[in-house]
């Protein structure tokens, strides 16, 4: 299953990946419009979530050979 997904991801270029990131940002804005109580989350929790979600990609890009 993952081999097929990796093969399909190889077809994407930098612009496609950037568009996916912006689509995720817009999705987050839509979620905050639907559930306004999400805006009241403590910033420290958001920073911890950001670090947890970015740890593996950062490791693979900068550290792993």
Protein backbone atom coordinates (compact mmCIF):
# COMPACT_ATOMS: atom_id res chain seq x y z
CA UNK A 1 0.00 0.00 0.00
CA UNK A 2 2.70 2.51 0.97
CA UNK A 3 4.79 1.66 -2.08
CA UNK A 4 1.88 2.66 -4.30
CA UNK A 5 1.37 5.91 -2.38
CA UNK A 6 5.10 6.74 -2.58
CA UNK A 7 5.04 6.08 -6.32
CA UNK A 8 2.08 8.41 -6.76
CA UNK A 9 3.69 11.08 -4.55
CA UNK A 10 6.70 11.05 -6.85
CA UNK A 11 4.54 12.67 -9.52
CA UNK A 12 4.04 15.81 -7.41
CA UNK A 13 6.32 18.80 -7.75
CA UNK A 14 7.07 21.64 -5.33
CA UNK A 15 4.11 23.74 -6.48
CA UNK A 16 1.69 20.84 -5.94
CA UNK A 17 2.96 20.29 -2.40
CA UNK A 18 2.67 24.02 -1.69
CA UNK A 19 -0.93 24.00 -2.92
CA UNK A 20 -1.70 21.07 -0.62
CA UNK A 21 -0.27 23.03 2.32
CA UNK A 22 -2.41 26.07 1.49
CA UNK A 23 -5.46 23.83 1.17
CA UNK A 24 -4.76 22.60 4.70
CA UNK A 25 -4.55 26.18 5.96
CA UNK A 26 -7.89 27.02 4.36
CA UNK A 27 -9.38 23.85 5.86
CA UNK A 28 -8.18 25.01 9.29
CA UNK A 29 -9.82 28.40 8.76
CA UNK A 30 -13.08 26.69 7.78
CA UNK A 31 -12.94 24.53 10.92
CA UNK A 32 -12.43 27.63 13.07
CA UNK A 33 -15.41 29.29 11.42
CA UNK A 34 -17.58 26.24 12.09
CA UNK A 35 -16.24 25.65 15.64
CA UNK A 36 -15.25 29.08 17.05
CA UNK A 37 -14.34 27.53 20.42
CA UNK A 38 -11.19 26.16 18.72
CA UNK A 39 -9.81 29.71 18.64
CA UNK A 40 -9.76 29.79 22.47
CA UNK A 41 -7.18 26.96 22.73
CA UNK A 42 -4.11 27.89 24.78
CA UNK A 43 -1.09 28.85 22.65
CA UNK A 44 1.22 26.47 24.50
CA UNK A 45 -0.96 23.54 23.43
CA UNK A 46 -0.84 24.74 19.83
CA UNK A 47 2.96 25.06 19.96
CA UNK A 48 3.30 21.55 21.40
CA UNK A 49 1.00 20.19 18.69
CA UNK A 50 3.01 22.00 16.02
CA UNK A 51 6.28 20.55 17.32
CA UNK A 52 4.85 17.04 17.61
CA UNK A 53 3.46 17.09 14.07
CA UNK A 54 6.60 18.53 12.52
CA UNK A 55 9.18 16.38 14.35
CA UNK A 56 9.29 13.40 11.97
CA UNK A 57 9.33 15.37 8.69
CA UNK A 58 12.00 17.69 10.10
CA UNK A 59 14.13 14.73 11.19
CA UNK A 60 13.81 13.02 7.81
CA UNK A 61 14.62 16.20 5.87
CA UNK A 62 17.51 17.65 7.89
CA UNK A 63 19.09 14.82 9.91
CA UNK A 64 18.51 11.45 8.28
CA UNK A 65 20.83 10.62 5.38
